[in-house]
Amino acid sequence: MAPGVYSKVILGVDMAGLALSVGVLAACGYLSFFHSSREHLDRVSFRLLVYALVSHVIFGIVLLIDCFYAFPGWHCSLLAFLINFNILFSASIFFCVALNLMLVLVYNVSGRMMEKYYIIGSLVLGGACLGSAYASGRLGLNTKNHLCWYNDRNPAEMPRWVIGTQIFWLLLLSAAELGVFLVIVAYLLPFTFDSSWTVARHSPDSESQARGSTRLTIVKLRGIILRIGLYPLVSCLMSVTSSVFSVYQLREQAAPVPNGALVRLVGVMIYTGRPLVYSMMAATDPAFC
């Protein structure tokens, strides 16, 4: 498949996602000036979402540059670093959204206290994985998809670097996201079917009233809680799907596989479509409703 086809697909999908991401961030900035809306945006999970959207904007801009300047050289290695770093960073941030939701709901941990650790951990993970690949000269022009990615100068070693610095961590984060989401759902089930909170609310005991008030709050907000939980769930789906296509592409590096060009194109669309998918979800976030 001609390189021009990849560029057209990337330009179409990426520009739509980039424009929507910028629009959502602009809306967040505008609403933050109003006191009535600021309190709805002042939520750790929403701020984590904003960090991920900023990462996707950087990802989208770098990907556009990659379409026009995918030539061998240090700049291509840098573009590959930024692209893959932002993929891993955003996946880590969405895992932190799920982790924060579980810690706050189940273990009463302060999300504000943990926020800085979420950011530091995501930066360290992306920097360590992609920094090692960049320093080892494994990032650069990939002649198969004509993009700045993991270079294919040494096909025998390329799979180990792609798996060790990206695929493994994406799948690990995906498994963790799924596990945390199931914990959250399991925690919410008693509040859905148990009506004992009504008894606790009318009890003269203050501790029982406090428990009843907490239960009532969770019952009222369980729809929003589950909606927030969709971010890591979608991130899990995107990461697993992109990892599968990456493994397929690694197989093609060693030997031609059936419909290889079509699979590469679909893989590029999934990678490129991240900003579009997440910005669409952010635009319907409960904070805007």
Protein backbone atom coordinates (compact mmCIF):
# COMPACT_ATOMS: atom_id res chain seq x y z
CA MET A 1 0.00 0.00 0.00
CA ALA A 2 1.38 3.37 -0.99
CA PRO A 3 2.74 5.64 1.75
CA GLY A 4 0.36 8.36 0.57
CA VAL A 5 -2.61 6.29 1.73
CA TYR A 6 -1.25 6.17 5.29
CA SER A 7 -0.71 9.93 5.25
CA LYS A 8 -4.26 10.62 4.06
CA VAL A 9 -5.76 8.34 6.72
CA ILE A 10 -3.62 9.89 9.45
CA LEU A 11 -4.42 13.43 8.33
CA GLY A 12 -8.17 12.76 8.23
CA VAL A 13 -8.49 10.96 11.56
CA ASP A 14 -5.80 12.88 13.43
CA MET A 15 -6.97 16.35 12.46
CA ALA A 16 -10.53 15.54 13.57
CA GLY A 17 -9.28 14.24 16.92
CA LEU A 18 -6.87 17.13 17.35
CA ALA A 19 -9.56 19.73 16.63
CA LEU A 20 -12.04 18.11 19.04
CA SER A 21 -9.39 17.74 21.77
CA VAL A 22 -8.45 21.41 21.49
CA GLY A 23 -12.15 22.32 21.53
CA VAL A 24 -12.78 20.32 24.72
CA LEU A 25 -9.72 21.84 26.42
CA ALA A 26 -10.85 25.32 25.38
CA ALA A 27 -14.31 24.60 26.83
CA CYS A 28 -12.70 23.46 30.09
CA GLY A 29 -10.65 26.63 30.24
CA TYR A 30 -13.69 28.80 29.55
CA LEU A 31 -15.88 27.08 32.14
CA SER A 32 -13.15 27.28 34.78
CA PHE A 33 -13.63 31.07 34.89
CA PHE A 34 -17.13 30.64 36.33
CA HIS A 35 -17.53 29.73 39.99
CA SER A 36 -20.72 27.74 39.39
CA SER A 37 -19.04 25.42 36.90
CA ARG A 38 -15.57 25.40 38.48
CA GLU A 39 -16.73 23.21 41.36
CA HIS A 40 -17.90 20.55 38.88
CA LEU A 41 -14.55 20.59 37.08
CA ASP A 42 -12.56 20.51 40.32
CA ARG A 43 -12.37 16.73 40.39
CA VAL A 44 -9.20 14.64 40.40
CA SER A 45 -10.48 12.25 37.74
CA PHE A 46 -11.42 15.17 35.49
CA ARG A 47 -8.02 16.81 35.93
CA LEU A 48 -6.39 13.50 35.02
CA LEU A 49 -8.57 13.48 31.91
CA VAL A 50 -7.35 16.99 31.06
CA TYR A 51 -3.73 15.83 31.41
CA ALA A 52 -4.49 12.97 29.02
CA LEU A 53 -6.14 15.34 26.54
CA VAL A 54 -3.11 17.63 26.61
CA SER A 55 -0.97 14.56 25.93
CA HIS A 56 -3.24 13.66 23.00
CA VAL A 57 -2.93 17.17 21.57
CA ILE A 58 0.86 16.81 21.64
CA PHE A 59 0.48 13.33 20.13
CA GLY A 60 -1.75 14.68 17.35
CA ILE A 61 0.59 17.56 16.49
CA VAL A 62 3.65 15.31 16.41
CA LEU A 63 1.80 12.77 14.27
CA LEU A 64 0.94 15.48 11.74
CA ILE A 65 4.62 16.42 11.57
CA ASP A 66 5.44 12.74 11.16
CA CYS A 67 3.25 12.58 8.04
CA PHE A 68 5.35 15.19 6.24
CA TYR A 69 8.83 14.74 7.72
CA ALA A 70 9.25 10.98 8.09
CA PHE A 71 12.86 10.86 6.95
CA PRO A 72 15.86 9.12 8.54
CA GLY A 73 17.67 11.19 11.14
CA TRP A 74 17.65 12.33 14.76
CA HIS A 75 14.41 14.28 14.25
CA CYS A 76 12.61 11.07 13.24
CA SER A 77 13.88 9.36 16.39
CA LEU A 78 12.60 12.29 18.45
CA LEU A 79 9.20 12.16 16.75
CA ALA A 80 8.99 8.42 17.43
CA PHE A 81 9.89 9.04 21.08
CA LEU A 82 7.19 11.69 21.51
CA ILE A 83 4.53 9.60 19.75
CA ASN A 84 5.15 6.44 21.75
CA PHE A 85 5.76 8.31 25.01
CA ASN A 86 2.36 10.00 24.78
CA ILE A 87 0.65 6.68 24.01
CA LEU A 88 2.14 5.09 27.13
CA PHE A 89 1.61 8.22 29.24
CA SER A 90 -2.10 8.50 28.37
CA ALA A 91 -2.64 4.78 28.98
CA SER A 92 -1.03 5.17 32.39
CA ILE A 93 -3.14 8.24 33.18
CA PHE A 94 -6.37 6.40 32.37
CA PHE A 95 -5.28 3.55 34.62
CA CYS A 96 -4.79 6.18 37.32
CA VAL A 97 -8.38 7.36 36.73
CA ALA A 98 -9.59 3.85 37.57
CA LEU A 99 -7.15 3.47 40.45
CA ASN A 100 -8.18 6.81 41.94
CA LEU A 101 -11.85 5.90 41.71
CA MET A 102 -11.23 2.63 43.54
CA LEU A 103 -9.03 4.20 46.23
CA VAL A 104 -11.53 6.97 46.93
CA LEU A 105 -14.64 4.78 46.94
CA VAL A 106 -13.41 1.58 48.53
CA TYR A 107 -10.54 2.70 50.75
CA ASN A 108 -11.41 6.37 51.45
CA VAL A 109 -8.00 7.55 50.24
CA SER A 110 -7.68 11.24 49.37
CA GLY A 111 -7.54 11.63 45.60
CA ARG A 112 -5.98 15.08 45.89
CA MET A 113 -3.16 13.64 47.96
CA MET A 114 -2.51 10.92 45.37
CA GLU A 115 -2.79 13.15 42.29
CA LYS A 116 0.88 14.13 42.17
CA TYR A 117 1.91 10.47 42.44
CA TYR A 118 -0.30 9.57 39.48
CA ILE A 119 1.44 12.20 37.33
CA ILE A 120 4.95 11.36 38.51
CA GLY A 121 4.38 7.63 38.05
CA SER A 122 3.03 8.08 34.51
CA LEU A 123 5.95 10.33 33.53
CA VAL A 124 8.52 7.94 35.00
CA LEU A 125 7.00 4.90 33.26
CA GLY A 126 6.90 6.59 29.85
CA GLY A 127 10.31 8.20 30.27
CA ALA A 128 12.02 5.00 31.41
CA CYS A 129 10.56 2.80 28.67
CA LEU A 130 10.89 5.15 25.71
CA GLY A 131 14.02 6.85 27.02
CA SER A 132 15.87 3.53 26.95
CA ALA A 133 14.65 2.81 23.42
CA TYR A 134 15.66 6.30 22.27
CA ALA A 135 19.10 6.12 23.89
CA SER A 136 19.71 2.70 22.32
CA GLY A 137 18.92 3.97 18.83
CA ARG A 138 15.85 1.75 18.42
CA LEU A 139 13.55 4.59 17.39
CA GLY A 140 13.50 6.02 13.90
CA LEU A 141 12.05 5.48 10.44
CA ASN A 142 10.12 2.26 9.94
CA THR A 143 10.26 1.34 6.27
CA LYS A 144 7.15 -0.85 6.44
CA ASN A 145 4.65 1.82 7.43
CA HIS A 146 6.81 4.80 6.36
CA LEU A 147 6.41 6.46 9.76
CA CYS A 148 8.73 7.38 12.59
CA TRP A 149 8.31 4.47 14.99
CA TYR A 150 10.61 1.64 16.04
CA ASN A 151 13.15 1.38 13.22
CA ASP A 152 13.53 -1.93 11.43
CA ARG A 153 17.29 -1.82 10.82
CA ASN A 154 17.65 -4.93 12.99
CA PRO A 155 14.50 -7.06 12.51
CA ALA A 156 15.73 -9.72 14.94
CA GLU A 157 15.95 -7.33 17.91
CA MET A 158 13.02 -5.08 17.05
CA PRO A 159 10.27 -7.33 18.55
CA ARG A 160 12.03 -7.44 21.93
CA TRP A 161 12.19 -3.67 22.11
CA VAL A 162 8.60 -3.10 20.99
CA ILE A 163 7.27 -5.71 23.42
CA GLY A 164 9.53 -4.72 26.31
CA THR A 165 9.08 -0.95 26.10
CA GLN A 166 5.47 -0.69 24.91
CA ILE A 167 3.27 -3.74 24.35
CA PHE A 168 4.01 -5.41 27.71
CA TRP A 169 3.22 -2.24 29.65
CA LEU A 170 0.09 -1.45 27.64
CA LEU A 171 -1.26 -4.95 28.26
CA LEU A 172 -0.29 -4.81 31.94
CA LEU A 173 -2.07 -1.48 32.36
CA SER A 174 -5.07 -2.88 30.47
CA ALA A 175 -5.29 -5.91 32.77
CA ALA A 176 -4.99 -3.65 35.81
CA GLU A 177 -7.69 -1.31 34.45
CA LEU A 178 -10.05 -4.21 33.91
CA GLY A 179 -9.36 -5.59 37.38
CA VAL A 180 -9.91 -2.23 39.07
CA PHE A 181 -13.11 -1.62 37.09
CA LEU A 182 -14.49 -4.99 38.23
CA VAL A 183 -13.65 -4.10 41.84
CA ILE A 184 -15.58 -0.82 41.46
CA VAL A 185 -18.59 -2.58 39.94
CA ALA A 186 -18.53 -5.22 42.70
CA TYR A 187 -18.39 -2.46 45.30
CA LEU A 188 -21.39 -0.67 43.79
CA LEU A 189 -23.60 -3.76 43.50
CA PRO A 190 -24.71 -3.81 47.18
CA PHE A 191 -25.78 -0.16 46.87
CA THR A 192 -27.91 -1.08 43.88
CA PHE A 193 -29.81 -3.98 45.46
CA ASP A 194 -29.58 -3.17 49.18
CA SER A 195 -32.14 -0.69 50.47
CA SER A 196 -30.95 -0.81 54.10
CA TRP A 197 -29.53 2.70 53.73
CA THR A 198 -33.07 4.05 54.11
CA VAL A 199 -33.32 2.45 57.55
CA ALA A 200 -29.92 3.83 58.53
CA ARG A 201 -30.91 7.35 57.52
CA HIS A 202 -33.87 7.35 59.91
CA SER A 203 -31.99 5.76 62.78
CA PRO A 204 -31.37 7.98 65.82
CA ASP A 205 -27.80 6.71 65.97
CA SER A 206 -25.46 9.31 64.43
CA GLU A 207 -23.07 6.69 63.08
CA SER A 208 -25.91 4.90 61.34
CA GLN A 209 -27.09 8.19 59.87
CA ALA A 210 -23.59 8.90 58.57
CA ARG A 211 -23.43 5.50 56.93
CA GLY A 212 -26.88 6.04 55.45
CA SER A 213 -25.88 9.44 54.10
CA THR A 214 -22.77 7.97 52.48
CA ARG A 215 -24.79 5.17 50.92
CA LEU A 216 -27.39 7.62 49.62
CA THR A 217 -24.67 9.73 48.02
CA ILE A 218 -23.16 6.69 46.31
CA VAL A 219 -26.59 5.52 45.10
CA LYS A 220 -27.29 8.94 43.60
CA LEU A 221 -23.88 9.16 41.97
CA ARG A 222 -23.38 5.57 40.86
CA GLY A 223 -24.28 6.48 37.27
CA ILE A 224 -21.60 9.17 37.23
CA ILE A 225 -19.14 6.81 38.94
CA LEU A 226 -19.69 4.15 36.29
CA ARG A 227 -19.45 6.81 33.56
CA ILE A 228 -16.05 7.88 34.89
CA GLY A 229 -15.08 4.21 34.97
CA LEU A 230 -15.66 4.02 31.21
CA TYR A 231 -12.46 5.99 30.56
CA PRO A 232 -10.11 3.23 31.72
CA LEU A 233 -12.38 0.61 30.17
CA VAL A 234 -12.15 2.25 26.74
CA SER A 235 -8.42 2.77 27.30
CA CYS A 236 -8.11 -0.95 28.02
CA LEU A 237 -9.89 -1.80 24.75
CA MET A 238 -7.76 0.64 22.74
CA SER A 239 -4.50 -0.59 24.26
CA VAL A 240 -5.30 -4.27 23.75
CA THR A 241 -6.41 -3.70 20.16
CA SER A 242 -3.37 -1.61 19.25
CA SER A 243 -1.09 -4.17 20.91
CA VAL A 244 -2.61 -6.97 18.83
CA PHE A 245 -1.97 -5.02 15.64
CA SER A 246 1.57 -4.23 16.80
CA VAL A 247 2.27 -7.93 17.31
CA TYR A 248 0.84 -8.64 13.86
CA GLN A 249 3.10 -5.99 12.40
CA LEU A 250 6.10 -7.50 14.17
CA ARG A 251 5.31 -10.83 12.53
CA GLU A 252 5.26 -9.09 9.18
CA GLN A 253 8.71 -7.64 9.82
CA ALA A 254 10.08 -11.19 9.82
CA ALA A 255 8.02 -12.57 6.92
CA PRO A 256 5.12 -11.34 4.75
CA VAL A 257 1.68 -12.17 6.13
CA PRO A 258 -1.72 -12.20 4.39
CA ASN A 259 -3.36 -8.78 4.06
CA GLY A 260 -0.36 -7.17 5.71
CA ALA A 261 -0.93 -3.76 4.13
CA LEU A 262 -4.57 -3.69 5.23
CA VAL A 263 -3.66 -4.71 8.78
CA ARG A 264 -1.02 -1.98 8.95
CA LEU A 265 -3.59 0.55 7.78
CA VAL A 266 -6.11 -0.52 10.45
CA GLY A 267 -3.36 -0.40 13.07
CA VAL A 268 -2.44 3.13 12.03
CA MET A 269 -6.11 4.16 12.26
CA ILE A 270 -6.36 2.80 15.81
CA TYR A 271 -3.21 4.60 16.92
CA THR A 272 -4.31 7.80 15.20
CA GLY A 273 -7.88 7.60 16.48
CA ARG A 274 -6.97 7.83 20.17
CA PRO A 275 -7.41 11.62 20.44
CA LEU A 276 -10.74 11.44 18.61
CA VAL A 277 -12.18 8.66 20.79
CA TYR A 278 -11.10 10.15 24.12
CA SER A 279 -12.09 13.71 23.22
CA MET A 280 -15.57 12.47 22.25
CA MET A 281 -15.87 10.82 25.66
CA ALA A 282 -14.56 13.94 27.39
CA ALA A 283 -17.12 16.08 25.58
CA THR A 284 -19.89 14.01 27.22
CA ASP A 285 -18.26 13.91 30.66
CA PRO A 286 -20.62 14.41 33.65
CA ALA A 287 -18.69 17.58 34.51
CA PHE A 288 -20.23 19.22 31.42
CA CYS A 289 -23.73 17.93 32.13
